[in-house]
Protein backbone atom coordinates (compact mmCIF):
# COMPACT_ATOMS: atom_id res chain seq x y z
CA UNK A 1 -25.43 57.75 -5.90
CA UNK A 2 -28.78 58.88 -7.33
CA UNK A 3 -27.59 62.52 -7.52
CA UNK A 4 -24.61 61.58 -9.71
CA UNK A 5 -26.28 58.75 -11.66
CA UNK A 6 -30.02 59.58 -11.57
CA UNK A 7 -31.18 56.53 -13.57
CA UNK A 8 -29.28 54.07 -11.36
CA UNK A 9 -32.31 52.71 -9.53
CA UNK A 10 -34.17 51.80 -12.74
CA UNK A 11 -31.47 49.70 -14.42
CA UNK A 12 -31.80 45.90 -14.30
CA UNK A 13 -28.80 44.29 -12.59
CA UNK A 14 -27.57 42.49 -15.71
CA UNK A 15 -28.05 45.32 -18.22
CA UNK A 16 -24.82 46.80 -19.68
CA UNK A 17 -24.39 50.56 -19.34
CA UNK A 18 -22.59 53.41 -21.07
CA UNK A 19 -21.71 56.24 -18.69
CA UNK A 20 -21.93 59.55 -20.60
CA UNK A 21 -20.09 62.73 -19.64
CA UNK A 22 -21.20 66.02 -21.19
CA UNK A 23 -19.37 69.12 -22.41
CA UNK A 24 -18.86 72.24 -20.31
CA UNK A 25 -22.05 74.11 -19.51
CA UNK A 26 -24.36 71.13 -19.99
CA UNK A 27 -26.14 68.67 -17.74
CA UNK A 28 -26.25 66.14 -20.55
CA UNK A 29 -29.95 66.28 -21.45
CA UNK A 30 -29.11 65.03 -24.94
CA UNK A 31 -27.95 61.79 -23.40
CA UNK A 32 -31.43 61.24 -22.02
CA UNK A 33 -32.66 61.11 -25.61
CA UNK A 34 -29.91 58.61 -26.36
CA UNK A 35 -30.99 56.47 -23.42
CA UNK A 36 -34.61 56.54 -24.53
CA UNK A 37 -33.51 55.31 -27.98
CA UNK A 38 -31.47 52.39 -26.64
CA UNK A 39 -32.88 48.96 -25.82
CA UNK A 40 -30.22 46.42 -24.90
CA UNK A 41 -27.94 48.79 -22.97
CA UNK A 42 -28.45 51.98 -20.96
CA UNK A 43 -26.85 55.32 -21.86
CA UNK A 44 -26.61 57.08 -18.51
CA UNK A 45 -25.97 60.83 -18.24
CA UNK A 46 -23.61 61.51 -15.34
CA UNK A 47 -24.43 64.54 -13.22
CA UNK A 48 -21.11 65.95 -12.08
CA UNK A 49 -20.89 66.97 -8.39
CA UNK A 50 -19.67 70.46 -9.31
CA UNK A 51 -19.80 71.68 -5.72
CA UNK A 52 -16.40 69.98 -5.24
CA UNK A 53 -14.79 72.49 -7.66
CA UNK A 54 -11.57 70.46 -8.24
CA UNK A 55 -11.53 68.31 -11.38
CA UNK A 56 -9.73 65.31 -9.93
CA UNK A 57 -11.91 65.34 -6.80
CA UNK A 58 -15.03 65.32 -8.97
CA UNK A 59 -13.76 62.38 -11.02
CA UNK A 60 -12.99 60.49 -7.80
CA UNK A 61 -16.51 61.15 -6.50
CA UNK A 62 -18.04 59.92 -9.77
CA UNK A 63 -15.93 56.76 -9.66
CA UNK A 64 -16.96 56.09 -6.07
CA UNK A 65 -20.63 56.54 -6.97
CA UNK A 66 -20.39 54.46 -10.14
CA UNK A 67 -18.41 51.52 -8.76
CA UNK A 68 -21.41 49.74 -7.11
CA UNK A 69 -23.38 50.04 -10.36
CA UNK A 70 -20.53 48.62 -12.42
CA UNK A 71 -19.33 45.81 -10.14
CA UNK A 72 -21.35 43.01 -11.75
CA UNK A 73 -22.05 44.32 -15.23
CA UNK A 74 -20.24 45.27 -18.43
CA UNK A 75 -19.85 48.93 -19.23
CA UNK A 76 -18.38 51.49 -21.60
CA UNK A 77 -17.45 55.13 -21.03
CA UNK A 78 -18.25 58.07 -23.31
CA UNK A 79 -17.34 61.72 -23.00
CA UNK A 80 -17.54 64.81 -25.19
CA UNK A 81 -15.18 67.80 -24.89
CA UNK A 82 -14.62 68.43 -21.16
CA UNK A 83 -16.61 65.24 -20.63
CA UNK A 84 -14.00 63.28 -22.60
CA UNK A 85 -11.44 64.19 -19.97
CA UNK A 86 -13.84 63.25 -17.16
CA UNK A 87 -14.55 59.90 -18.83
CA UNK A 88 -10.82 59.20 -19.12
CA UNK A 89 -9.98 60.21 -15.57
CA UNK A 90 -12.97 58.41 -14.04
CA UNK A 91 -12.13 55.22 -15.92
CA UNK A 92 -8.55 55.39 -14.71
CA UNK A 93 -9.74 55.68 -11.09
CA UNK A 94 -12.19 52.80 -11.57
CA UNK A 95 -9.37 50.63 -12.89
CA UNK A 96 -6.76 51.71 -10.36
CA UNK A 97 -8.84 51.95 -7.17
CA UNK A 98 -11.79 49.60 -7.80
CA UNK A 99 -10.22 46.95 -10.06
CA UNK A 100 -12.87 47.47 -12.74
CA UNK A 101 -12.32 47.88 -16.47
CA UNK A 102 -14.54 49.24 -19.21
CA UNK A 103 -15.06 47.30 -22.42
CA UNK A 104 -14.29 50.53 -24.29
CA UNK A 105 -13.65 54.23 -23.68
CA UNK A 106 -14.94 56.70 -26.28
CA UNK A 107 -13.60 60.26 -26.19
CA UNK A 108 -14.96 62.89 -28.55
CA UNK A 109 -13.98 66.45 -29.36
CA UNK A 110 -10.98 66.94 -27.09
CA UNK A 111 -7.19 66.92 -27.32
CA UNK A 112 -5.35 64.32 -25.28
CA UNK A 113 -4.60 65.02 -21.59
CA UNK A 114 -0.85 65.30 -22.20
CA UNK A 115 -1.34 68.07 -24.79
CA UNK A 116 -1.04 71.37 -22.93
CA UNK A 117 -2.27 73.49 -25.81
CA UNK A 118 -3.16 77.13 -25.30
CA UNK A 119 -6.92 77.55 -25.12
CA UNK A 120 -8.84 80.33 -26.84
CA UNK A 121 -10.58 81.18 -23.56
CA UNK A 122 -9.60 80.89 -19.92
CA UNK A 123 -11.36 82.17 -16.82
CA UNK A 124 -8.96 85.09 -16.33
CA UNK A 125 -10.66 86.64 -19.37
CA UNK A 126 -13.93 88.56 -19.37
CA UNK A 127 -17.46 87.56 -20.37
CA UNK A 128 -17.07 89.00 -23.87
CA UNK A 129 -14.29 86.52 -24.57
CA UNK A 130 -16.42 83.70 -23.19
CA UNK A 131 -19.28 84.68 -25.49
CA UNK A 132 -16.82 84.65 -28.40
CA UNK A 133 -15.76 81.16 -27.33
CA UNK A 134 -19.36 79.91 -27.25
CA UNK A 135 -20.08 81.42 -30.67
CA UNK A 136 -16.95 79.96 -32.29
CA UNK A 137 -17.73 76.48 -30.99
CA UNK A 138 -21.33 76.66 -32.23
CA UNK A 139 -24.27 74.83 -30.71
CA UNK A 140 -25.91 77.97 -29.24
CA UNK A 141 -28.18 80.39 -31.08
CA UNK A 142 -26.61 83.86 -31.40
CA UNK A 143 -29.86 85.56 -30.43
CA UNK A 144 -29.75 83.83 -27.05
CA UNK A 145 -26.25 85.16 -26.46
CA UNK A 146 -27.58 88.67 -27.10
CA UNK A 147 -30.24 88.25 -24.41
CA UNK A 148 -28.93 89.41 -21.02
CA UNK A 149 -31.60 87.37 -19.24
CA UNK A 150 -30.12 84.23 -20.77
CA UNK A 151 -26.46 85.12 -20.42
CA UNK A 152 -26.84 86.19 -16.77
CA UNK A 153 -27.87 82.61 -16.00
CA UNK A 154 -25.76 80.53 -18.36
CA UNK A 155 -22.42 82.38 -18.39
CA UNK A 156 -21.60 81.85 -14.68
CA UNK A 157 -22.43 78.15 -15.04
CA UNK A 158 -20.23 77.73 -18.13
CA UNK A 159 -17.44 79.78 -16.59
CA UNK A 160 -17.50 77.56 -13.50
CA UNK A 161 -17.08 74.46 -15.69
CA UNK A 162 -14.09 76.06 -17.38
CA UNK A 163 -12.66 76.89 -13.97
CA UNK A 164 -13.06 73.26 -12.91
CA UNK A 165 -11.42 72.14 -16.15
CA UNK A 166 -8.43 74.38 -15.42
CA UNK A 167 -7.77 72.55 -12.12
CA UNK A 168 -7.11 69.24 -13.92
CA UNK A 169 -3.68 67.69 -13.48
CA UNK A 170 -2.42 64.90 -15.72
CA UNK A 171 0.18 62.68 -14.06
CA UNK A 172 1.28 60.43 -16.93
CA UNK A 173 -1.22 57.63 -16.26
CA UNK A 174 -2.93 55.39 -18.81
CA UNK A 175 -6.11 53.35 -18.89
CA UNK A 176 -6.10 49.63 -19.59
CA UNK A 177 -9.23 49.48 -21.74
CA UNK A 178 -9.38 50.08 -25.52
CA UNK A 179 -9.85 53.72 -26.49
CA UNK A 180 -11.47 55.43 -29.47
CA UNK A 181 -10.93 59.14 -30.16
CA UNK A 182 -13.53 60.86 -32.35
CA UNK A 183 -13.17 64.31 -33.91
CA UNK A 184 -15.05 66.51 -36.36
CA UNK A 185 -13.32 67.73 -39.52
CA UNK A 186 -14.43 71.31 -38.86
CA UNK A 187 -13.92 71.40 -35.10
CA UNK A 188 -12.31 74.80 -34.54
CA UNK A 189 -11.06 73.89 -31.06
CA UNK A 190 -9.64 70.40 -31.71
CA UNK A 191 -7.65 69.46 -34.80
CA UNK A 192 -7.17 65.92 -36.00
CA UNK A 193 -3.50 66.09 -34.95
CA UNK A 194 -4.59 67.23 -31.46
CA UNK A 195 -6.01 63.76 -30.94
CA UNK A 196 -2.72 61.98 -31.74
CA UNK A 197 -1.77 61.77 -28.09
CA UNK A 198 -4.82 59.73 -27.15
CA UNK A 199 -3.05 56.64 -28.52
CA UNK A 200 -0.59 57.03 -25.64
CA UNK A 201 -3.36 57.24 -23.05
CA UNK A 202 -4.24 53.55 -23.22
CA UNK A 203 -2.46 50.22 -22.77
CA UNK A 204 -5.13 48.68 -25.01
CA UNK A 205 -6.10 49.14 -28.64
CA UNK A 206 -6.43 52.68 -30.04
CA UNK A 207 -8.76 53.82 -32.81
CA UNK A 208 -9.36 57.29 -34.23
CA UNK A 209 -12.44 58.12 -36.25
CA UNK A 210 -13.03 61.34 -38.16
CA UNK A 211 -16.52 62.71 -38.76
CA UNK A 212 -17.95 65.58 -40.78
CA UNK A 213 -18.94 68.62 -38.76
CA UNK A 214 -17.80 70.96 -36.02
CA UNK A 215 -17.31 70.68 -32.28
CA UNK A 216 -20.92 69.58 -31.70
CA UNK A 217 -21.24 67.32 -34.75
CA UNK A 218 -22.45 64.44 -32.59
CA UNK A 219 -25.63 66.36 -31.76
CA UNK A 220 -26.46 67.44 -35.33
CA UNK A 221 -28.66 64.37 -35.74
CA UNK A 222 -28.90 60.86 -34.35
CA UNK A 223 -26.42 59.30 -36.79
CA UNK A 224 -23.45 59.49 -34.41
CA UNK A 225 -25.48 57.98 -31.60
CA UNK A 226 -26.76 55.24 -33.91
CA UNK A 227 -23.20 54.23 -34.75
CA UNK A 228 -22.10 54.42 -31.10
CA UNK A 229 -25.10 52.38 -29.97
CA UNK A 230 -24.48 49.72 -32.63
CA UNK A 231 -20.82 49.49 -31.69
CA UNK A 232 -21.53 49.24 -27.95
CA UNK A 233 -24.19 46.59 -28.55
CA UNK A 234 -21.69 44.53 -30.57
CA UNK A 235 -19.06 44.93 -27.85
CA UNK A 236 -21.44 43.81 -25.12
CA UNK A 237 -22.62 40.86 -27.24
CA UNK A 238 -19.13 39.38 -27.49
């Protein structure tokens, strides 16, 4: 439990939580800053058990670890990019296998699971193509990508996340909870129309919100978090 949800032991039993799933190649350190800025709910970065290698197996392991934490408290789910898919799949397993239900699921910067769009990069391609992918998405300084000491460490980790992502299988399922899909106007990997399918991924209410910025717009400053935090606080207060 503590490996997947490190902050678990420090959360009061009645405090609502937001489980946060990060993009490929990240351990979600930004979410720690979010958690430190929150008062009446906890934003918890989920550490994916990547040793399992298969996407659906990882989501099942996260759900199993999270279920005891969520049994007697209200919660929301948040995921960005690859993390959006993990948030969706984990929530479905929590609903289906553990009879739990989030107050809200927030997915950001990813097309819907039923959209089998062709990706710019896949793991059959070489490292040069992966570097091009990282540069086009933004969020990483170009000088770091020119440093072999940096790329020798980070590229295998990112490539492994992409490999895990490629093992995902969507089986036509939907979540029960309300779902919000967020996207940046200048996101080069996800268009606004790419998010249309998310409305069919829930049996609850669907909302789409469009923000200025690229794929990593939510990390440009704290304004996205501030809105998310306010919205979650209002949800939990109802």
